[in-house]
């Protein structure tokens, strides 16, 4: 009889990057939709929050998640 040895899992220095990329996309899309629909934001308000969130959380989070994957 022989013993079954399972392969060692690959060690990753970071955690799973998929939630980071997905949340960056989801939150920036959600805030963009809120601004476009003028829900919770004044209709004439400048899109500062949308641009900042899309660039730094949406874009940078997806770049980092892609580099980690």
Protein backbone atom coordinates (compact mmCIF):
# COMPACT_ATOMS: atom_id res chain seq x y z
CA UNK A 1 0.00 0.00 0.00
CA UNK A 2 1.28 3.44 -0.76
CA UNK A 3 0.51 6.77 0.84
CA UNK A 4 -0.92 9.61 -1.17
CA UNK A 5 1.06 12.78 -0.69
CA UNK A 6 -0.72 15.92 -1.71
CA UNK A 7 1.37 18.58 -3.43
CA UNK A 8 2.41 21.54 -1.36
CA UNK A 9 0.38 24.66 -2.06
CA UNK A 10 2.26 27.46 -3.75
CA UNK A 11 3.30 30.08 -1.23
CA UNK A 12 2.14 33.59 -2.05
CA UNK A 13 3.70 36.60 -0.37
CA UNK A 14 0.39 38.47 -0.68
CA UNK A 15 -3.22 37.49 -0.32
CA UNK A 16 -5.60 36.93 -3.22
CA UNK A 17 -5.59 40.11 -5.39
CA UNK A 18 -8.95 39.44 -7.07
CA UNK A 19 -11.12 41.12 -4.38
CA UNK A 20 -8.96 44.25 -4.55
CA UNK A 21 -9.37 44.59 -8.33
CA UNK A 22 -13.07 43.76 -8.25
CA UNK A 23 -13.84 46.20 -5.45
CA UNK A 24 -11.87 48.95 -7.17
CA UNK A 25 -13.93 48.47 -10.33
CA UNK A 26 -17.25 48.14 -8.47
CA UNK A 27 -16.86 51.17 -6.20
CA UNK A 28 -15.63 53.51 -8.94
CA UNK A 29 -18.48 52.40 -11.23
CA UNK A 30 -21.05 52.79 -8.45
CA UNK A 31 -19.93 56.31 -7.52
CA UNK A 32 -19.81 57.29 -11.19
CA UNK A 33 -23.39 56.10 -11.61
CA UNK A 34 -24.47 58.02 -8.51
CA UNK A 35 -22.90 61.20 -9.88
CA UNK A 36 -24.40 60.71 -13.32
CA UNK A 37 -27.86 60.15 -11.85
CA UNK A 38 -27.42 63.05 -9.38
CA UNK A 39 -28.32 60.75 -6.48
CA UNK A 40 -26.89 61.98 -3.21
CA UNK A 41 -24.73 64.57 -4.98
CA UNK A 42 -25.84 68.01 -6.10
CA UNK A 43 -26.62 68.06 -9.81
CA UNK A 44 -24.19 70.88 -10.57
CA UNK A 45 -21.38 69.54 -8.39
CA UNK A 46 -17.97 69.10 -10.00
CA UNK A 47 -16.93 65.49 -10.57
CA UNK A 48 -13.91 65.73 -8.24
CA UNK A 49 -14.91 62.75 -6.12
CA UNK A 50 -15.58 60.62 -9.18
CA UNK A 51 -12.29 61.43 -10.90
CA UNK A 52 -10.23 60.96 -7.76
CA UNK A 53 -11.89 57.69 -6.87
CA UNK A 54 -11.69 56.34 -10.41
CA UNK A 55 -8.01 57.18 -10.81
CA UNK A 56 -6.64 56.22 -7.43
CA UNK A 57 -8.94 53.49 -6.17
CA UNK A 58 -10.33 52.11 -9.41
CA UNK A 59 -7.24 52.42 -11.57
CA UNK A 60 -4.41 51.95 -9.12
CA UNK A 61 -6.13 49.06 -7.32
CA UNK A 62 -6.59 47.22 -10.60
CA UNK A 63 -2.98 47.83 -11.63
CA UNK A 64 -1.72 46.54 -8.28
CA UNK A 65 -4.05 43.53 -8.41
CA UNK A 66 -2.86 42.73 -11.92
CA UNK A 67 0.77 42.95 -10.85
CA UNK A 68 0.16 40.64 -7.90
CA UNK A 69 -1.67 38.03 -9.97
